[in-house]
N, C-alpha and C. Protein backbone atom coordinates (compact mmCIF):
# COMPACT_ATOMS: atom_id res chain seq x y z
N UNK A 1 0.76 -1.16 -0.01
CA UNK A 1 -0.11 -0.06 -0.06
C UNK A 1 1.05 1.31 -0.06
N UNK A 2 0.64 2.07 -0.96
CA UNK A 2 1.35 3.22 -1.01
C UNK A 2 0.73 4.51 -0.55
N UNK A 3 1.25 5.39 0.25
CA UNK A 3 0.78 6.51 0.83
C UNK A 3 1.19 7.73 -0.13
N UNK A 4 0.10 8.38 -0.63
CA UNK A 4 0.12 9.48 -1.37
C UNK A 4 0.91 10.56 -0.70
N UNK A 5 1.32 11.54 -1.51
CA UNK A 5 2.00 12.79 -1.06
C UNK A 5 1.08 13.54 -0.39
N UNK A 6 -0.18 13.79 -0.57
CA UNK A 6 -1.16 14.51 -0.07
C UNK A 6 -1.41 14.00 1.32
N UNK A 7 -1.54 12.47 1.55
CA UNK A 7 -1.71 11.85 2.75
C UNK A 7 -0.68 12.15 3.79
N UNK A 8 0.45 12.10 3.13
CA UNK A 8 1.81 12.29 4.06
C UNK A 8 1.61 13.71 4.35
N UNK A 9 1.30 14.50 3.69
CA UNK A 9 1.41 16.08 4.20
C UNK A 9 0.22 16.33 5.10
N UNK A 10 -0.95 15.71 4.97
CA UNK A 10 -1.86 15.79 5.90
C UNK A 10 -1.79 15.20 7.28
N UNK A 11 -1.06 13.93 7.21
CA UNK A 11 -0.53 13.37 8.47
C UNK A 11 0.54 14.24 9.29
N UNK A 12 1.43 14.97 8.44
CA UNK A 12 2.32 15.78 9.38
C UNK A 12 1.77 16.86 9.87
N UNK A 13 0.70 17.58 8.94
CA UNK A 13 0.26 18.71 9.54
C UNK A 13 -0.69 18.40 10.79
N UNK A 14 -1.50 17.20 10.65
CA UNK A 14 -2.17 16.98 11.90
C UNK A 14 -1.44 16.52 13.01
N UNK A 15 -0.19 16.01 12.76
CA UNK A 15 0.64 15.57 13.87
C UNK A 15 1.40 17.11 14.62
N UNK A 16 1.69 17.94 13.64
CA UNK A 16 1.99 19.12 14.31
C UNK A 16 1.00 20.02 15.10
N UNK A 17 -0.13 19.91 14.64
CA UNK A 17 -1.25 20.61 15.50
C UNK A 17 -1.46 19.99 16.63
N UNK A 18 -1.50 18.59 16.76
CA UNK A 18 -1.62 18.05 17.97
C UNK A 18 -0.35 18.17 18.85
N UNK A 19 0.87 18.40 18.40
CA UNK A 19 1.95 18.56 19.20
C UNK A 19 2.02 19.92 19.83
N UNK A 20 1.54 20.94 18.91
CA UNK A 20 1.77 22.22 19.29
C UNK A 20 0.46 22.50 20.47
N UNK A 21 -0.62 21.79 20.27
CA UNK A 21 -1.59 21.72 21.45
C UNK A 21 -1.08 21.16 22.69
N UNK A 22 -0.22 20.13 22.49
CA UNK A 22 0.39 19.47 23.73
C UNK A 22 1.42 20.39 24.23
N UNK A 23 1.94 21.11 23.56
CA UNK A 23 3.11 21.86 24.20
C UNK A 23 2.50 23.14 24.81
N UNK A 24 1.50 23.52 24.34
CA UNK A 24 0.72 24.80 25.07
C UNK A 24 0.10 24.42 26.29
N UNK A 25 -0.33 23.01 26.55
CA UNK A 25 -0.96 22.64 27.77
C UNK A 25 0.28 22.33 28.66
N UNK A 26 1.36 21.83 28.18
CA UNK A 26 2.69 21.57 28.98
C UNK A 26 3.07 23.02 29.64
N UNK A 27 3.03 24.05 28.71
CA UNK A 27 3.49 25.28 29.22
C UNK A 27 2.38 26.07 30.47
N UNK A 28 1.17 25.64 30.25
CA UNK A 28 0.43 25.76 31.18
C UNK A 28 0.51 25.07 32.73
N UNK A 29 0.90 23.67 32.38
CA UNK A 29 1.24 23.12 33.67
C UNK A 29 2.44 23.54 34.32
N UNK A 30 3.68 23.81 33.46
CA UNK A 30 4.66 24.37 34.03
C UNK A 30 4.49 25.73 34.72
N UNK A 31 3.73 26.65 34.07
CA UNK A 31 3.31 28.00 34.76
C UNK A 31 2.61 27.83 36.13
N UNK A 32 1.52 26.81 36.20
CA UNK A 32 0.88 26.66 37.52
C UNK A 32 1.94 25.99 38.55
N UNK A 33 2.72 24.96 38.03
CA UNK A 33 3.59 24.46 39.02
C UNK A 33 4.34 25.67 39.56
N UNK A 34 5.09 26.62 38.71
CA UNK A 34 5.83 27.61 39.19
C UNK A 34 5.11 28.55 40.10
N UNK A 35 3.93 28.93 39.72
CA UNK A 35 3.14 29.80 40.91
C UNK A 35 2.99 29.08 42.01
N UNK A 36 2.72 27.77 42.20
CA UNK A 36 2.70 27.20 43.29
C UNK A 36 3.91 27.12 44.37
N UNK A 37 5.01 26.81 43.47
CA UNK A 37 6.41 26.85 44.08
C UNK A 37 6.70 28.29 44.72
N UNK A 38 6.26 29.26 43.97
CA UNK A 38 6.40 30.45 44.61
C UNK A 38 5.63 30.95 45.74
N UNK A 39 4.31 30.50 45.74
CA UNK A 39 3.51 30.63 46.71
C UNK A 39 4.08 29.82 48.07
N UNK A 40 4.53 28.70 47.89
CA UNK A 40 5.13 28.00 49.04
C UNK A 40 6.52 28.62 49.50
N UNK A 41 7.39 29.07 48.71
CA UNK A 41 8.45 29.66 49.10
C UNK A 41 8.05 30.97 49.89
N UNK A 42 7.08 31.87 49.46
CA UNK A 42 6.74 33.05 50.05
C UNK A 42 6.24 32.72 51.41
N UNK A 43 5.48 31.83 51.46
CA UNK A 43 4.82 31.38 52.74
C UNK A 43 5.84 30.91 53.82
N UNK A 44 6.78 30.27 53.26
CA UNK A 44 7.96 29.90 54.27
C UNK A 44 8.76 30.96 54.61
N UNK A 45 9.13 31.86 53.69
CA UNK A 45 9.72 33.20 54.13
C UNK A 45 8.89 34.05 54.91
N UNK A 46 7.73 34.18 54.76
CA UNK A 46 6.87 34.81 55.79
C UNK A 46 6.96 34.25 57.17
N UNK A 47 7.05 32.89 57.27
CA UNK A 47 7.12 32.16 58.65
C UNK A 47 8.61 32.30 59.25
N UNK A 48 9.47 32.97 58.57
CA UNK A 48 10.74 33.01 59.03
C UNK A 48 11.82 31.86 58.59
N UNK A 49 11.45 31.11 57.60
CA UNK A 49 12.43 29.95 57.17
C UNK A 49 13.51 30.70 56.18
N UNK A 50 14.62 30.52 56.31
CA UNK A 50 15.70 31.18 55.41
C UNK A 50 15.71 30.04 54.26
N UNK A 51 15.25 30.13 53.07
CA UNK A 51 15.26 29.08 52.11
C UNK A 51 16.72 28.83 51.63
N UNK A 52 17.61 29.79 51.45
CA UNK A 52 18.89 29.66 50.96
C UNK A 52 19.52 28.64 51.96
N UNK A 53 19.56 29.00 53.28
CA UNK A 53 20.22 28.24 54.25
C UNK A 53 19.67 26.59 54.28
N UNK A 54 18.29 26.67 54.09
CA UNK A 54 18.02 25.35 53.96
C UNK A 54 18.29 24.34 52.97
N UNK A 55 18.42 25.30 51.85
CA UNK A 55 18.77 24.38 50.57
C UNK A 55 20.12 24.07 50.82
N UNK A 56 20.98 24.99 51.16
CA UNK A 56 22.51 24.60 51.48
C UNK A 56 22.78 23.32 52.31
N UNK A 57 21.84 23.40 53.30
CA UNK A 57 22.17 22.45 54.36
C UNK A 57 21.64 21.04 53.62
N UNK A 58 20.48 21.25 52.83
CA UNK A 58 19.95 19.85 52.13
C UNK A 58 21.06 19.41 51.21
N UNK A 59 21.74 20.35 50.49
CA UNK A 59 22.72 19.99 49.34
C UNK A 59 23.89 19.35 50.08
N UNK A 60 24.36 19.78 51.04
CA UNK A 60 25.34 19.18 51.92
C UNK A 60 25.01 17.74 52.46
N UNK A 61 23.94 17.50 52.96
CA UNK A 61 23.47 16.11 53.31
C UNK A 61 23.38 15.26 52.04
N UNK A 62 22.83 15.65 50.90
CA UNK A 62 22.93 15.04 49.47
C UNK A 62 24.54 14.84 49.14
N UNK A 63 25.34 15.61 49.28
CA UNK A 63 26.46 15.39 48.96
C UNK A 63 27.17 14.27 49.84
N UNK A 64 27.07 14.35 51.09
CA UNK A 64 27.35 13.46 52.02
C UNK A 64 26.78 11.97 51.63
N UNK A 65 25.59 11.88 51.26
CA UNK A 65 25.06 10.66 51.16
C UNK A 65 25.56 10.02 49.73
N UNK A 66 25.88 10.72 48.92
CA UNK A 66 26.51 10.50 47.55
C UNK A 66 27.64 10.10 47.31
N UNK A 67 28.47 10.08 48.55
CA UNK A 67 30.05 9.86 48.56
C UNK A 67 30.24 8.41 48.48
């Protein structure tokens, strides 16, 4: 069975359309995730938690574990 050039073009156009829509949804998910991260960081900061110090402590612990 041979696929015509028009069928191939149609296939690729539909595929691109689908992938663009999926990428748009992924960008939305990333944006929402970033907003949630920022909200939690702000809440921790408002509660007096030094995020940078906590991050450094966590990194040092990870480094020790991975030795």
